[in-house]
Amino acid sequence: MSRQSSLCVVKLAGELDIGQREAVAAALQLDDGDGPVLVDLGEVVYADSTVIGQLLRFRNEAEARGRRIALLIGSPQFARVLQYAGLADAFAVFDNRAAALTFLAGQRP
């Protein structure tokens, strides 16, 4: 996790499945800040339902704290997994970092 001004960036990469559950859960912990959060999944090549469950938990926690989040997804396959799970509207999903940052700044992409 890194901070760029008030922005918190959580970056995950590689193949994320049940074997990586604890590492994903640890990475998806909110810091004490109050700014927006970019979850950078641009280098994730595979993710299963375990990751989606962790993302939902993270989103709910962020919303409860009033923090805006965006997912940056580079893999069309991963974007389809969210869509097939019926969760495409549950997240603000972007395939472009600039658009995600614009959204997190409270502006329209």
PDB file of N, CA and C in Angstrom:
ATOM      1  N   MET A   1       0.850  -1.171   0.000  1.00  0.00           N
ATOM      2  CA  MET A   1       0.000   0.000   0.000  1.00  0.00           C
ATOM      3  C   MET A   1       0.890   1.226   0.000  1.00  0.00           C
ATOM      4  N   SER A   2       0.550   2.193  -0.820  1.00  0.00           N
ATOM      5  CA  SER A   2       1.319   3.431  -0.848  1.00  0.00           C
ATOM      6  C   SER A   2       0.363   4.608  -0.830  1.00  0.00           C
ATOM      7  N   ARG A   3       0.903   5.772  -0.487  1.00  0.00           N
ATOM      8  CA  ARG A   3       0.084   6.970  -0.436  1.00  0.00           C
ATOM      9  C   ARG A   3       0.659   8.006  -1.378  1.00  0.00           C
ATOM     10  N   GLN A   4      -0.227   8.604  -2.156  1.00  0.00           N
ATOM     11  CA  GLN A   4       0.131   9.705  -3.025  1.00  0.00           C
ATOM     12  C   GLN A   4      -0.780  10.842  -2.598  1.00  0.00           C
ATOM     13  N   SER A   5      -0.269  11.786  -1.832  1.00  0.00           N
ATOM     14  CA  SER A   5      -1.055  12.827  -1.161  1.00  0.00           C
ATOM     15  C   SER A   5      -2.107  12.129  -0.329  1.00  0.00           C
ATOM     16  N   SER A   6      -3.374  12.436  -0.533  1.00  0.00           N
ATOM     17  CA  SER A   6      -4.402  11.787   0.273  1.00  0.00           C
ATOM     18  C   SER A   6      -4.894  10.497  -0.371  1.00  0.00           C
ATOM     19  N   LEU A   7      -4.386  10.166  -1.548  1.00  0.00           N
ATOM     20  CA  LEU A   7      -4.786   8.958  -2.248  1.00  0.00           C
ATOM     21  C   LEU A   7      -4.034   7.749  -1.694  1.00  0.00           C
ATOM     22  N   CYS A   8      -4.764   6.690  -1.413  1.00  0.00           N
ATOM     23  CA  CYS A   8      -4.167   5.426  -0.995  1.00  0.00           C
ATOM     24  C   CYS A   8      -4.221   4.484  -2.188  1.00  0.00           C
ATOM     25  N   VAL A   9      -3.104   3.844  -2.512  1.00  0.00           N
ATOM     26  CA  VAL A   9      -3.043   2.907  -3.629  1.00  0.00           C
ATOM     27  C   VAL A   9      -2.727   1.518  -3.086  1.00  0.00           C
ATOM     28  N   VAL A  10      -3.582   0.558  -3.423  1.00  0.00           N
ATOM     29  CA  VAL A  10      -3.361  -0.844  -3.075  1.00  0.00           C
ATOM     30  C   VAL A  10      -3.103  -1.566  -4.382  1.00  0.00           C
ATOM     31  N   LYS A  11      -1.935  -2.185  -4.506  1.00  0.00           N
ATOM     32  CA  LYS A  11      -1.569  -2.857  -5.760  1.00  0.00           C
ATOM     33  C   LYS A  11      -1.451  -4.355  -5.522  1.00  0.00           C
ATOM     34  N   LEU A  12      -2.159  -5.112  -6.356  1.00  0.00           N
ATOM     35  CA  LEU A  12      -2.082  -6.566  -6.331  1.00  0.00           C
ATOM     36  C   LEU A  12      -1.659  -7.031  -7.716  1.00  0.00           C
ATOM     37  N   ALA A  13      -0.953  -8.162  -7.784  1.00  0.00           N
ATOM     38  CA  ALA A  13      -0.476  -8.652  -9.076  1.00  0.00           C
ATOM     39  C   ALA A  13      -0.418 -10.171  -9.067  1.00  0.00           C
ATOM     40  N   GLY A  14      -0.345 -10.733 -10.268  1.00  0.00           N
ATOM     41  CA  GLY A  14      -0.163 -12.166 -10.425  1.00  0.00           C
ATOM     42  C   GLY A  14      -1.465 -12.939 -10.437  1.00  0.00           C
ATOM     43  N   GLU A  15      -1.377 -14.206 -10.054  1.00  0.00           N
ATOM     44  CA  GLU A  15      -2.540 -15.079  -9.971  1.00  0.00           C
ATOM     45  C   GLU A  15      -3.039 -15.075  -8.536  1.00  0.00           C
ATOM     46  N   LEU A  16      -4.282 -14.656  -8.364  1.00  0.00           N
ATOM     47  CA  LEU A  16      -4.864 -14.543  -7.024  1.00  0.00           C
ATOM     48  C   LEU A  16      -5.998 -15.541  -6.884  1.00  0.00           C
ATOM     49  N   ASP A  17      -5.742 -16.560  -6.086  1.00  0.00           N
ATOM     50  CA  ASP A  17      -6.765 -17.573  -5.855  1.00  0.00           C
ATOM     51  C   ASP A  17      -6.809 -17.894  -4.372  1.00  0.00           C
ATOM     52  N   ILE A  18      -7.503 -18.937  -4.020  1.00  0.00           N
ATOM     53  CA  ILE A  18      -7.690 -19.261  -2.611  1.00  0.00           C
ATOM     54  C   ILE A  18      -6.355 -19.454  -1.880  1.00  0.00           C
ATOM     55  N   GLY A  19      -5.338 -19.868  -2.583  1.00  0.00           N
ATOM     56  CA  GLY A  19      -4.017 -20.027  -1.979  1.00  0.00           C
ATOM     57  C   GLY A  19      -3.398 -18.703  -1.558  1.00  0.00           C
ATOM     58  N   GLN A  20      -3.866 -17.620  -2.147  1.00  0.00           N
ATOM     59  CA  GLN A  20      -3.363 -16.279  -1.826  1.00  0.00           C
ATOM     60  C   GLN A  20      -4.331 -15.504  -0.929  1.00  0.00           C
ATOM     61  N   ARG A  21      -5.341 -16.175  -0.399  1.00  0.00           N
ATOM     62  CA  ARG A  21      -6.405 -15.522   0.363  1.00  0.00           C
ATOM     63  C   ARG A  21      -5.878 -14.637   1.481  1.00  0.00           C
ATOM     64  N   GLU A  22      -4.976 -15.142   2.282  1.00  0.00           N
ATOM     65  CA  GLU A  22      -4.466 -14.363   3.420  1.00  0.00           C
ATOM     66  C   GLU A  22      -3.675 -13.147   2.950  1.00  0.00           C
ATOM     67  N   ALA A  23      -2.881 -13.300   1.909  1.00  0.00           N
ATOM     68  CA  ALA A  23      -2.108 -12.161   1.387  1.00  0.00           C
ATOM     69  C   ALA A  23      -3.038 -11.099   0.814  1.00  0.00           C
ATOM     70  N   VAL A  24      -4.086 -11.522   0.110  1.00  0.00           N
ATOM     71  CA  VAL A  24      -5.045 -10.570  -0.459  1.00  0.00           C
ATOM     72  C   VAL A  24      -5.792  -9.857   0.668  1.00  0.00           C
ATOM     73  N   ALA A  25      -6.234 -10.613   1.666  1.00  0.00           N
ATOM     74  CA  ALA A  25      -6.947 -10.005   2.799  1.00  0.00           C
ATOM     75  C   ALA A  25      -6.058  -8.999   3.521  1.00  0.00           C
ATOM     76  N   ALA A  26      -4.781  -9.323   3.673  1.00  0.00           N
ATOM     77  CA  ALA A  26      -3.855  -8.407   4.344  1.00  0.00           C
ATOM     78  C   ALA A  26      -3.640  -7.145   3.523  1.00  0.00           C
ATOM     79  N   ALA A  27      -3.543  -7.299   2.208  1.00  0.00           N
ATOM     80  CA  ALA A  27      -3.333  -6.130   1.339  1.00  0.00           C
ATOM     81  C   ALA A  27      -4.564  -5.231   1.318  1.00  0.00           C
ATOM     82  N   LEU A  28      -5.743  -5.842   1.399  1.00  0.00           N
ATOM     83  CA  LEU A  28      -6.981  -5.076   1.337  1.00  0.00           C
ATOM     84  C   LEU A  28      -7.463  -4.671   2.728  1.00  0.00           C
ATOM     85  N   GLN A  29      -6.594  -3.994   3.437  1.00  0.00           N
ATOM     86  CA  GLN A  29      -6.933  -3.407   4.732  1.00  0.00           C
ATOM     87  C   GLN A  29      -6.828  -1.899   4.593  1.00  0.00           C
ATOM     88  N   LEU A  30      -7.854  -1.207   5.014  1.00  0.00           N
ATOM     89  CA  LEU A  30      -7.816   0.255   4.924  1.00  0.00           C
ATOM     90  C   LEU A  30      -6.819   0.828   5.913  1.00  0.00           C
ATOM     91  N   ASP A  31      -6.136   1.861   5.479  1.00  0.00           N
ATOM     92  CA  ASP A  31      -5.251   2.581   6.388  1.00  0.00           C
ATOM     93  C   ASP A  31      -6.098   3.559   7.204  1.00  0.00           C
ATOM     94  N   ASP A  32      -5.458   4.377   8.007  1.00  0.00           N
ATOM     95  CA  ASP A  32      -6.177   5.321   8.862  1.00  0.00           C
ATOM     96  C   ASP A  32      -6.566   6.604   8.154  1.00  0.00           C
ATOM     97  N   GLY A  33      -6.211   6.732   6.897  1.00  0.00           N
ATOM     98  CA  GLY A  33      -6.516   7.951   6.152  1.00  0.00           C
ATOM     99  C   GLY A  33      -8.000   8.085   5.864  1.00  0.00           C
ATOM    100  N   ASP A  34      -8.325   9.196   5.220  1.00  0.00           N
ATOM    101  CA  ASP A  34      -9.727   9.416   4.881  1.00  0.00           C
ATOM    102  C   ASP A  34      -9.909   9.721   3.401  1.00  0.00           C
ATOM    103  N   GLY A  35      -8.831   9.595   2.628  1.00  0.00           N
ATOM    104  CA  GLY A  35      -8.905   9.894   1.203  1.00  0.00           C
ATOM    105  C   GLY A  35      -9.371   8.709   0.383  1.00  0.00           C
ATOM    106  N   PRO A  36      -9.475   8.919  -0.919  1.00  0.00           N
ATOM    107  CA  PRO A  36      -9.920   7.858  -1.818  1.00  0.00           C
ATOM    108  C   PRO A  36      -8.876   6.753  -1.940  1.00  0.00           C
ATOM    109  N   VAL A  37      -9.338   5.609  -2.463  1.00  0.00           N
ATOM    110  CA  VAL A  37      -8.476   4.433  -2.583  1.00  0.00           C
ATOM    111  C   VAL A  37      -8.533   3.899  -4.013  1.00  0.00           C
ATOM    112  N   LEU A  38      -7.367   3.727  -4.606  1.00  0.00           N
ATOM    113  CA  LEU A  38      -7.251   3.077  -5.904  1.00  0.00           C
ATOM    114  C   LEU A  38      -6.746   1.662  -5.668  1.00  0.00           C
ATOM    115  N   VAL A  39      -7.537   0.675  -6.071  1.00  0.00           N
ATOM    116  CA  VAL A  39      -7.107  -0.717  -6.000  1.00  0.00           C
ATOM    117  C   VAL A  39      -6.601  -1.062  -7.394  1.00  0.00           C
ATOM    118  N   ASP A  40      -5.284  -1.140  -7.517  1.00  0.00           N
ATOM    119  CA  ASP A  40      -4.629  -1.374  -8.804  1.00  0.00           C
ATOM    120  C   ASP A  40      -4.474  -2.876  -9.027  1.00  0.00           C
ATOM    121  N   LEU A  41      -5.337  -3.399  -9.887  1.00  0.00           N
ATOM    122  CA  LEU A  41      -5.317  -4.818 -10.247  1.00  0.00           C
ATOM    123  C   LEU A  41      -4.827  -4.994 -11.681  1.00  0.00           C
ATOM    124  N   GLY A  42      -4.117  -3.995 -12.169  1.00  0.00           N
ATOM    125  CA  GLY A  42      -3.666  -3.983 -13.554  1.00  0.00           C
ATOM    126  C   GLY A  42      -2.757  -5.134 -13.929  1.00  0.00           C
ATOM    127  N   GLU A  43      -2.067  -5.715 -12.957  1.00  0.00           N
ATOM    128  CA  GLU A  43      -1.157  -6.823 -13.240  1.00  0.00           C
ATOM    129  C   GLU A  43      -1.683  -8.156 -12.734  1.00  0.00           C
ATOM    130  N   VAL A  44      -2.973  -8.202 -12.401  1.00  0.00           N
ATOM    131  CA  VAL A  44      -3.601  -9.464 -11.997  1.00  0.00           C
ATOM    132  C   VAL A  44      -3.984 -10.211 -13.267  1.00  0.00           C
ATOM    133  N   VAL A  45      -3.473 -11.438 -13.404  1.00  0.00           N
ATOM    134  CA  VAL A  45      -3.768 -12.227 -14.593  1.00  0.00           C
ATOM    135  C   VAL A  45      -4.895 -13.228 -14.348  1.00  0.00           C
ATOM    136  N   TYR A  46      -5.159 -13.533 -13.079  1.00  0.00           N
ATOM    137  CA  TYR A  46      -6.235 -14.459 -12.723  1.00  0.00           C
ATOM    138  C   TYR A  46      -6.708 -14.134 -11.319  1.00  0.00           C
ATOM    139  N   ALA A  47      -8.014 -14.190 -11.127  1.00  0.00           N
ATOM    140  CA  ALA A  47      -8.577 -14.016  -9.790  1.00  0.00           C
ATOM    141  C   ALA A  47      -9.824 -14.873  -9.686  1.00  0.00           C
ATOM    142  N   ASP A  48      -9.982 -15.538  -8.544  1.00  0.00           N
ATOM    143  CA  ASP A  48     -11.171 -16.370  -8.361  1.00  0.00           C
ATOM    144  C   ASP A  48     -12.154 -15.689  -7.414  1.00  0.00           C
ATOM    145  N   SER A  49     -13.183 -16.405  -7.027  1.00  0.00           N
ATOM    146  CA  SER A  49     -14.242 -15.840  -6.188  1.00  0.00           C
ATOM    147  C   SER A  49     -13.744 -15.416  -4.810  1.00  0.00           C
ATOM    148  N   THR A  50     -12.655 -16.007  -4.354  1.00  0.00           N
ATOM    149  CA  THR A  50     -12.080 -15.601  -3.070  1.00  0.00           C
ATOM    150  C   THR A  50     -11.685 -14.132  -3.115  1.00  0.00           C
ATOM    151  N   VAL A  51     -11.073 -13.719  -4.207  1.00  0.00           N
ATOM    152  CA  VAL A  51     -10.643 -12.332  -4.373  1.00  0.00           C
ATOM    153  C   VAL A  51     -11.856 -11.411  -4.481  1.00  0.00           C
ATOM    154  N   ILE A  52     -12.853 -11.851  -5.208  1.00  0.00           N
ATOM    155  CA  ILE A  52     -14.061 -11.036  -5.339  1.00  0.00           C
ATOM    156  C   ILE A  52     -14.705 -10.827  -3.976  1.00  0.00           C
ATOM    157  N   GLY A  53     -14.742 -11.864  -3.169  1.00  0.00           N
ATOM    158  CA  GLY A  53     -15.279 -11.731  -1.809  1.00  0.00           C
ATOM    159  C   GLY A  53     -14.487 -10.725  -0.987  1.00  0.00           C
ATOM    160  N   GLN A  54     -13.169 -10.758  -1.106  1.00  0.00           N
ATOM    161  CA  GLN A  54     -12.332  -9.808  -0.373  1.00  0.00           C
ATOM    162  C   GLN A  54     -12.534  -8.384  -0.884  1.00  0.00           C
ATOM    163  N   LEU A  55     -12.711  -8.235  -2.195  1.00  0.00           N
ATOM    164  CA  LEU A  55     -12.967  -6.908  -2.759  1.00  0.00           C
ATOM    165  C   LEU A  55     -14.304  -6.353  -2.271  1.00  0.00           C
ATOM    166  N   LEU A  56     -15.311  -7.211  -2.174  1.00  0.00           N
ATOM    167  CA  LEU A  56     -16.610  -6.765  -1.660  1.00  0.00           C
ATOM    168  C   LEU A  56     -16.507  -6.320  -0.209  1.00  0.00           C
ATOM    169  N   ARG A  57     -15.782  -7.100   0.594  1.00  0.00           N
ATOM    170  CA  ARG A  57     -15.586  -6.734   1.999  1.00  0.00           C
ATOM    171  C   ARG A  57     -14.886  -5.387   2.087  1.00  0.00           C
ATOM    172  N   PHE A  58     -13.849  -5.214   1.280  1.00  0.00           N
ATOM    173  CA  PHE A  58     -13.078  -3.977   1.266  1.00  0.00           C
ATOM    174  C   PHE A  58     -13.950  -2.797   0.850  1.00  0.00           C
ATOM    175  N   ARG A  59     -14.749  -2.997  -0.198  1.00  0.00           N
ATOM    176  CA  ARG A  59     -15.645  -1.934  -0.668  1.00  0.00           C
ATOM    177  C   ARG A  59     -16.637  -1.530   0.426  1.00  0.00           C
ATOM    178  N   ASN A  60     -17.211  -2.515   1.099  1.00  0.00           N
ATOM    179  CA  ASN A  60     -18.168  -2.216   2.159  1.00  0.00           C
ATOM    180  C   ASN A  60     -17.525  -1.436   3.302  1.00  0.00           C
ATOM    181  N   GLU A  61     -16.313  -1.830   3.663  1.00  0.00           N
ATOM    182  CA  GLU A  61     -15.587  -1.123   4.727  1.00  0.00           C
ATOM    183  C   GLU A  61     -15.264   0.306   4.298  1.00  0.00           C
ATOM    184  N   ALA A  62     -14.817   0.473   3.064  1.00  0.00           N
ATOM    185  CA  ALA A  62     -14.490   1.809   2.559  1.00  0.00           C
ATOM    186  C   ALA A  62     -15.741   2.689   2.526  1.00  0.00           C
ATOM    187  N   GLU A  63     -16.846   2.143   2.047  1.00  0.00           N
ATOM    188  CA  GLU A  63     -18.092   2.915   1.999  1.00  0.00           C
ATOM    189  C   GLU A  63     -18.550   3.303   3.398  1.00  0.00           C
ATOM    190  N   ALA A  64     -18.408   2.391   4.350  1.00  0.00           N
ATOM    191  CA  ALA A  64     -18.802   2.688   5.729  1.00  0.00           C
ATOM    192  C   ALA A  64     -17.978   3.836   6.302  1.00  0.00           C
ATOM    193  N   ARG A  65     -16.757   3.993   5.825  1.00  0.00           N
ATOM    194  CA  ARG A  65     -15.886   5.078   6.290  1.00  0.00           C
ATOM    195  C   ARG A  65     -15.973   6.316   5.393  1.00  0.00           C
ATOM    196  N   GLY A  66     -16.838   6.258   4.394  1.00  0.00           N
ATOM    197  CA  GLY A  66     -17.017   7.395   3.512  1.00  0.00           C
ATOM    198  C   GLY A  66     -15.878   7.602   2.523  1.00  0.00           C
ATOM    199  N   ARG A  67     -15.186   6.533   2.201  1.00  0.00           N
ATOM    200  CA  ARG A  67     -14.050   6.627   1.280  1.00  0.00           C
ATOM    201  C   ARG A  67     -14.442   6.094  -0.090  1.00  0.00           C
ATOM    202  N   ARG A  68     -14.118   6.848  -1.099  1.00  0.00           N
ATOM    203  CA  ARG A  68     -14.405   6.473  -2.476  1.00  0.00           C
ATOM    204  C   ARG A  68     -13.318   5.509  -2.944  1.00  0.00           C
ATOM    205  N   ILE A  69     -13.725   4.438  -3.645  1.00  0.00           N
ATOM    206  CA  ILE A  69     -12.736   3.503  -4.186  1.00  0.00           C
ATOM    207  C   ILE A  69     -12.972   3.300  -5.674  1.00  0.00           C
ATOM    208  N   ALA A  70     -11.908   2.942  -6.352  1.00  0.00           N
ATOM    209  CA  ALA A  70     -11.966   2.592  -7.770  1.00  0.00           C
ATOM    210  C   ALA A  70     -11.057   1.392  -7.995  1.00  0.00           C
ATOM    211  N   LEU A  71     -11.477   0.530  -8.909  1.00  0.00           N
ATOM    212  CA  LEU A  71     -10.656  -0.608  -9.305  1.00  0.00           C
ATOM    213  C   LEU A  71     -10.051  -0.334 -10.667  1.00  0.00           C
ATOM    214  N   LEU A  72      -8.749  -0.522 -10.769  1.00  0.00           N
ATOM    215  CA  LEU A  72      -8.049  -0.428 -12.042  1.00  0.00           C
ATOM    216  C   LEU A  72      -7.770  -1.849 -12.486  1.00  0.00           C
ATOM    217  N   ILE A  73      -8.405  -2.265 -13.569  1.00  0.00           N
ATOM    218  CA  ILE A  73      -8.296  -3.643 -14.035  1.00  0.00           C
ATOM    219  C   ILE A  73      -7.711  -3.652 -15.437  1.00  0.00           C
ATOM    220  N   GLY A  74      -6.618  -4.370 -15.615  1.00  0.00           N
ATOM    221  CA  GLY A  74      -5.975  -4.445 -16.916  1.00  0.00           C
ATOM    222  C   GLY A  74      -6.427  -5.642 -17.732  1.00  0.00           C
ATOM    223  N   SER A  75      -6.892  -6.677 -17.076  1.00  0.00           N
ATOM    224  CA  SER A  75      -7.258  -7.913 -17.761  1.00  0.00           C
ATOM    225  C   SER A  75      -8.740  -7.926 -18.119  1.00  0.00           C
ATOM    226  N   PRO A  76      -9.058  -8.025 -19.403  1.00  0.00           N
ATOM    227  CA  PRO A  76     -10.474  -8.120 -19.784  1.00  0.00           C
ATOM    228  C   PRO A  76     -11.145  -9.352 -19.162  1.00  0.00           C
ATOM    229  N   GLN A  77     -10.370 -10.425 -18.958  1.00  0.00           N
ATOM    230  CA  GLN A  77     -10.928 -11.628 -18.356  1.00  0.00           C
ATOM    231  C   GLN A  77     -11.390 -11.359 -16.926  1.00  0.00           C
ATOM    232  N   PHE A  78     -10.603 -10.607 -16.164  1.00  0.00           N
ATOM    233  CA  PHE A  78     -10.973 -10.298 -14.786  1.00  0.00           C
ATOM    234  C   PHE A  78     -12.196  -9.381 -14.747  1.00  0.00           C
ATOM    235  N   ALA A  79     -12.257  -8.440 -15.661  1.00  0.00           N
ATOM    236  CA  ALA A  79     -13.433  -7.569 -15.752  1.00  0.00           C
ATOM    237  C   ALA A  79     -14.679  -8.396 -16.047  1.00  0.00           C
ATOM    238  N   ARG A  80     -14.539  -9.406 -16.903  1.00  0.00           N
ATOM    239  CA  ARG A  80     -15.676 -10.276 -17.206  1.00  0.00           C
ATOM    240  C   ARG A  80     -16.089 -11.098 -15.999  1.00  0.00           C
ATOM    241  N   VAL A  81     -15.136 -11.523 -15.182  1.00  0.00           N
ATOM    242  CA  VAL A  81     -15.481 -12.274 -13.967  1.00  0.00           C
ATOM    243  C   VAL A  81     -16.401 -11.432 -13.097  1.00  0.00           C
ATOM    244  N   LEU A  82     -16.083 -10.151 -12.930  1.00  0.00           N
ATOM    245  CA  LEU A  82     -16.952  -9.268 -12.145  1.00  0.00           C
ATOM    246  C   LEU A  82     -18.323  -9.140 -12.803  1.00  0.00           C
ATOM    247  N   GLN A  83     -18.326  -9.021 -14.107  1.00  0.00           N
ATOM    248  CA  GLN A  83     -19.590  -8.886 -14.828  1.00  0.00           C
ATOM    249  C   GLN A  83     -20.422 -10.159 -14.690  1.00  0.00           C
ATOM    250  N   TYR A  84     -19.830 -11.315 -14.885  1.00  0.00           N
ATOM    251  CA  TYR A  84     -20.557 -12.584 -14.791  1.00  0.00           C
ATOM    252  C   TYR A  84     -21.080 -12.829 -13.385  1.00  0.00           C
ATOM    253  N   ALA A  85     -20.360 -12.314 -12.384  1.00  0.00           N
ATOM    254  CA  ALA A  85     -20.799 -12.464 -10.990  1.00  0.00           C
ATOM    255  C   ALA A  85     -21.907 -11.465 -10.644  1.00  0.00           C
ATOM    256  N   GLY A  86     -22.251 -10.615 -11.594  1.00  0.00           N
ATOM    257  CA  GLY A  86     -23.296  -9.622 -11.356  1.00  0.00           C
ATOM    258  C   GLY A  86     -22.806  -8.449 -10.534  1.00  0.00           C
ATOM    259  N   LEU A  87     -21.504  -8.212 -10.535  1.00  0.00           N
ATOM    260  CA  LEU A  87     -20.921  -7.178  -9.683  1.00  0.00           C
ATOM    261  C   LEU A  87     -20.327  -6.012 -10.457  1.00  0.00           C
ATOM    262  N   ALA A  88     -20.604  -5.932 -11.740  1.00  0.00           N
ATOM    263  CA  ALA A  88     -20.032  -4.854 -12.545  1.00  0.00           C
ATOM    264  C   ALA A  88     -20.446  -3.485 -12.012  1.00  0.00           C
ATOM    265  N   ASP A  89     -21.652  -3.383 -11.477  1.00  0.00           N
ATOM    266  CA  ASP A  89     -22.123  -2.102 -10.949  1.00  0.00           C
ATOM    267  C   ASP A  89     -21.777  -1.903  -9.477  1.00  0.00           C
ATOM    268  N   ALA A  90     -21.216  -2.922  -8.841  1.00  0.00           N
ATOM    269  CA  ALA A  90     -20.861  -2.818  -7.423  1.00  0.00           C
ATOM    270  C   ALA A  90     -19.565  -2.039  -7.223  1.00  0.00           C
ATOM    271  N   PHE A  91     -18.802  -1.897  -8.289  1.00  0.00           N
ATOM    272  CA  PHE A  91     -17.511  -1.227  -8.219  1.00  0.00           C
ATOM    273  C   PHE A  91     -17.405  -0.186  -9.323  1.00  0.00           C
ATOM    274  N   ALA A  92     -16.610   0.823  -9.082  1.00  0.00           N
ATOM    275  CA  ALA A  92     -16.221   1.753 -10.141  1.00  0.00           C
ATOM    276  C   ALA A  92     -14.986   1.133 -10.779  1.00  0.00           C
ATOM    277  N   VAL A  93     -15.150   0.559 -11.973  1.00  0.00           N
ATOM    278  CA  VAL A  93     -14.087  -0.197 -12.635  1.00  0.00           C
ATOM    279  C   VAL A  93     -13.552   0.603 -13.819  1.00  0.00           C
ATOM    280  N   PHE A  94     -12.230   0.657 -13.906  1.00  0.00           N
ATOM    281  CA  PHE A  94     -11.568   1.403 -14.976  1.00  0.00           C
ATOM    282  C   PHE A  94     -10.457   0.564 -15.570  1.00  0.00           C
ATOM    283  N   ASP A  95     -10.189   0.771 -16.855  1.00  0.00           N
ATOM    284  CA  ASP A  95      -9.041   0.126 -17.492  1.00  0.00           C
ATOM    285  C   ASP A  95      -7.968   1.153 -17.813  1.00  0.00           C
ATOM    286  N   ASN A  96      -8.179   2.373 -17.315  1.00  0.00           N
ATOM    287  CA  ASN A  96      -7.286   3.491 -17.576  1.00  0.00           C
ATOM    288  C   ASN A  96      -7.018   4.213 -16.257  1.00  0.00           C
ATOM    289  N   ARG A  97      -5.754   4.315 -15.877  1.00  0.00           N
ATOM    290  CA  ARG A  97      -5.396   4.920 -14.597  1.00  0.00           C
ATOM    291  C   ARG A  97      -5.839   6.385 -14.496  1.00  0.00           C
ATOM    292  N   ALA A  98      -5.677   7.144 -15.573  1.00  0.00           N
ATOM    293  CA  ALA A  98      -6.065   8.557 -15.537  1.00  0.00           C
ATOM    294  C   ALA A  98      -7.559   8.708 -15.284  1.00  0.00           C
ATOM    295  N   ALA A  99      -8.370   7.867 -15.914  1.00  0.00           N
ATOM    296  CA  ALA A  99      -9.821   7.930 -15.697  1.00  0.00           C
ATOM    297  C   ALA A  99     -10.175   7.558 -14.258  1.00  0.00           C
ATOM    298  N   ALA A 100      -9.491   6.560 -13.715  1.00  0.00           N
ATOM    299  CA  ALA A 100      -9.738   6.164 -12.327  1.00  0.00           C
ATOM    300  C   ALA A 100      -9.379   7.293 -11.366  1.00  0.00           C
ATOM    301  N   LEU A 101      -8.250   7.952 -11.607  1.00  0.00           N
ATOM    302  CA  LEU A 101      -7.830   9.058 -10.739  1.00  0.00           C
ATOM    303  C   LEU A 101      -8.780  10.244 -10.858  1.00  0.00           C
ATOM    304  N   THR A 102      -9.292  10.490 -12.045  1.00  0.00           N
ATOM    305  CA  THR A 102     -10.268  11.562 -12.232  1.00  0.00           C
ATOM    306  C   THR A 102     -11.533  11.255 -11.437  1.00  0.00           C
ATOM    307  N   PHE A 103     -11.985  10.006 -11.503  1.00  0.00           N
ATOM    308  CA  PHE A 103     -13.155   9.581 -10.734  1.00  0.00           C
ATOM    309  C   PHE A 103     -12.916   9.766  -9.238  1.00  0.00           C
ATOM    310  N   LEU A 104     -11.753   9.343  -8.769  1.00  0.00           N
ATOM    311  CA  LEU A 104     -11.453   9.433  -7.344  1.00  0.00           C
ATOM    312  C   LEU A 104     -11.332  10.874  -6.882  1.00  0.00           C
ATOM    313  N   ALA A 105     -10.971  11.768  -7.784  1.00  0.00           N
ATOM    314  CA  ALA A 105     -10.883  13.195  -7.445  1.00  0.00           C
ATOM    315  C   ALA A 105     -12.276  13.835  -7.387  1.00  0.00           C
ATOM    316  N   GLY A 106     -13.299  13.031  -7.710  1.00  0.00           N
ATOM    317  CA  GLY A 106     -14.658  13.532  -7.637  1.00  0.00           C
ATOM    318  C   GLY A 106     -15.149  14.169  -8.914  1.00  0.00           C
ATOM    319  N   GLN A 107     -14.393  13.969  -9.980  1.00  0.00           N
ATOM    320  CA  GLN A 107     -14.771  14.524 -11.260  1.00  0.00           C
ATOM    321  C   GLN A 107     -15.285  13.412 -12.146  1.00  0.00           C
ATOM    322  N   ARG A 108     -15.991  13.784 -13.180  1.00  0.00           N
ATOM    323  CA  ARG A 108     -16.477  12.782 -14.132  1.00  0.00           C
ATOM    324  C   ARG A 108     -15.323  12.390 -15.050  1.00  0.00           C
ATOM    325  N   PRO A 109     -15.133  11.085 -15.286  1.00  0.00           N
ATOM    326  CA  PRO A 109     -14.057  10.651 -16.197  1.00  0.00           C
ATOM    327  C   PRO A 109     -14.326  11.037 -17.624  1.00  0.00           C
TER     328      PRO A 109
END
